Amino acid sequence: MEAFHTLLQLSTLIILICGGALFIHYFKTGEILLEQLVGGSIGIVLLLSLLVWRMKKKSIYPRNNYEKQ
């Protein structure tokens, strides 16, 4: 799970840096910069793939919950 948390932090950092710079630059000049748009898109794709990976892993290895009856 260490790799998952590291990639999750990386994807959120990419989204914050590229998305924040794109947001600030767009409102200052009205231009959308391609490199920041691509960087933000890569961060979003990485985040979505991590969420799918987590859902698949949970469906393959469900927790054993033994409830007392």
Foldseek 3Di string as FASTA:
>chain_A
DVVLVVLLVVLVVQLCVLVVVQVVVCVVPVDGDPVSVVSNVVSVVSNVVSVVVVVVVCVVDPDDDDDDD
